[in-house]
Amino acid sequence: MKINRSFSGFCPTLNKENTITVEFIDARSFDNPNLFIKGLAECEHHSYFKCPIAQDCPILKSVPEKLYL
């Protein structure tokens, strides 16, 4: 199972607030029954215009590596 979450923050490429969608992948186990780990991210601007700082996106960097739901 995968879940999507939206994260917002300042985008230096657009010079304004922007929102990205991050997929979290089910990593549940008996030890961690609520664990999801960060997967792919989608940014509408990058999808259309190939953002020059996509690898260093400050919004993506602020997203936690793990979610416990």
C-alpha atoms as a PDB file:
ATOM      1  CA  MET A   1       0.000   0.000   0.000  1.00  0.00           C
ATOM      2  CA  LYS A   2       1.183   3.516  -0.765  1.00  0.00           C
ATOM      3  CA  ILE A   3      -0.055   6.831   0.547  1.00  0.00           C
ATOM      4  CA  ASN A   4       0.504  10.352  -0.728  1.00  0.00           C
ATOM      5  CA  ARG A   5       1.082  13.430   1.410  1.00  0.00           C
ATOM      6  CA  SER A   6       1.461  17.056   0.362  1.00  0.00           C
ATOM      7  CA  PHE A   7       4.236  19.277   1.702  1.00  0.00           C
ATOM      8  CA  SER A   8       4.603  23.007   1.172  1.00  0.00           C
ATOM      9  CA  GLY A   9       7.440  25.461   1.545  1.00  0.00           C
ATOM     10  CA  PHE A  10       9.413  28.181  -0.154  1.00  0.00           C
ATOM     11  CA  CYS A  11      10.701  27.316  -3.614  1.00  0.00           C
ATOM     12  CA  PRO A  12      13.773  29.368  -4.584  1.00  0.00           C
ATOM     13  CA  THR A  13      13.299  28.517  -8.280  1.00  0.00           C
ATOM     14  CA  LEU A  14       9.785  29.965  -8.335  1.00  0.00           C
ATOM     15  CA  ASN A  15      10.598  32.523  -5.620  1.00  0.00           C
ATOM     16  CA  LYS A  16       7.320  31.707  -3.858  1.00  0.00           C
ATOM     17  CA  GLU A  17       5.530  29.028  -1.845  1.00  0.00           C
ATOM     18  CA  ASN A  18       5.037  25.726  -3.643  1.00  0.00           C
ATOM     19  CA  THR A  19       3.578  22.323  -2.832  1.00  0.00           C
ATOM     20  CA  ILE A  20       4.947  18.905  -3.733  1.00  0.00           C
ATOM     21  CA  THR A  21       3.359  15.482  -3.343  1.00  0.00           C
ATOM     22  CA  VAL A  22       5.407  12.710  -1.768  1.00  0.00           C
ATOM     23  CA  GLU A  23       4.597   9.021  -1.951  1.00  0.00           C
ATOM     24  CA  PHE A  24       5.163   6.948   1.173  1.00  0.00           C
ATOM     25  CA  ILE A  25       5.617   3.201   0.787  1.00  0.00           C
ATOM     26  CA  ASP A  26       4.242   0.649   3.202  1.00  0.00           C
ATOM     27  CA  ALA A  27       7.127  -0.734   5.279  1.00  0.00           C
ATOM     28  CA  ARG A  28       5.056  -2.184   8.105  1.00  0.00           C
ATOM     29  CA  SER A  29       6.307  -5.164  10.058  1.00  0.00           C
ATOM     30  CA  PHE A  30       5.555  -6.814  13.359  1.00  0.00           C
ATOM     31  CA  ASP A  31       8.131  -4.541  15.015  1.00  0.00           C
ATOM     32  CA  ASN A  32       6.835  -1.382  13.277  1.00  0.00           C
ATOM     33  CA  PRO A  33       3.148  -1.914  12.432  1.00  0.00           C
ATOM     34  CA  ASN A  34       2.621   1.717  11.328  1.00  0.00           C
ATOM     35  CA  LEU A  35       5.795   2.465   9.339  1.00  0.00           C
ATOM     36  CA  PHE A  36       5.836   4.090   5.895  1.00  0.00           C
ATOM     37  CA  ILE A  37       9.042   5.254   4.182  1.00  0.00           C
ATOM     38  CA  LYS A  38       9.544   8.133   1.759  1.00  0.00           C
ATOM     39  CA  GLY A  39       9.349   7.227  -1.902  1.00  0.00           C
ATOM     40  CA  LEU A  40       9.025   9.336  -5.028  1.00  0.00           C
ATOM     41  CA  ALA A  41       8.128  13.013  -5.043  1.00  0.00           C
ATOM     42  CA  GLU A  42       6.190  14.970  -7.624  1.00  0.00           C
ATOM     43  CA  CYS A  43       6.522  18.681  -8.257  1.00  0.00           C
ATOM     44  CA  GLU A  44       4.280  20.182 -10.919  1.00  0.00           C
ATOM     45  CA  HIS A  45       6.878  22.797 -11.860  1.00  0.00           C
ATOM     46  CA  HIS A  46       9.607  20.162 -12.280  1.00  0.00           C
ATOM     47  CA  SER A  47       7.256  17.960 -14.320  1.00  0.00           C
ATOM     48  CA  TYR A  48       6.789  20.688 -16.912  1.00  0.00           C
ATOM     49  CA  PHE A  49       9.975  22.754 -16.768  1.00  0.00           C
ATOM     50  CA  LYS A  50      12.730  20.532 -15.285  1.00  0.00           C
ATOM     51  CA  CYS A  51      13.714  22.457 -12.174  1.00  0.00           C
ATOM     52  CA  PRO A  52      17.465  23.205 -12.060  1.00  0.00           C
ATOM     53  CA  ILE A  53      17.673  22.458  -8.321  1.00  0.00           C
ATOM     54  CA  ALA A  54      15.420  19.393  -8.182  1.00  0.00           C
ATOM     55  CA  GLN A  55      18.160  17.309  -6.507  1.00  0.00           C
ATOM     56  CA  ASP A  56      18.513  19.940  -3.771  1.00  0.00           C
ATOM     57  CA  CYS A  57      14.848  20.889  -3.387  1.00  0.00           C
ATOM     58  CA  PRO A  58      14.417  22.509   0.042  1.00  0.00           C
ATOM     59  CA  ILE A  59      10.789  21.367   0.250  1.00  0.00           C
ATOM     60  CA  LEU A  60      11.724  17.739  -0.433  1.00  0.00           C
ATOM     61  CA  LYS A  61      14.591  17.959   2.046  1.00  0.00           C
ATOM     62  CA  SER A  62      12.109  19.022   4.754  1.00  0.00           C
ATOM     63  CA  VAL A  63      10.022  15.869   4.269  1.00  0.00           C
ATOM     64  CA  PRO A  64      10.627  13.186   6.911  1.00  0.00           C
ATOM     65  CA  GLU A  65      12.191   9.911   5.758  1.00  0.00           C
ATOM     66  CA  LYS A  66       9.627   7.912   7.759  1.00  0.00           C
ATOM     67  CA  LEU A  67       5.990   8.324   8.739  1.00  0.00           C
ATOM     68  CA  TYR A  68       4.298   6.425  11.516  1.00  0.00           C
ATOM     69  CA  LEU A  69       0.550   6.234  10.890  1.00  0.00           C
END
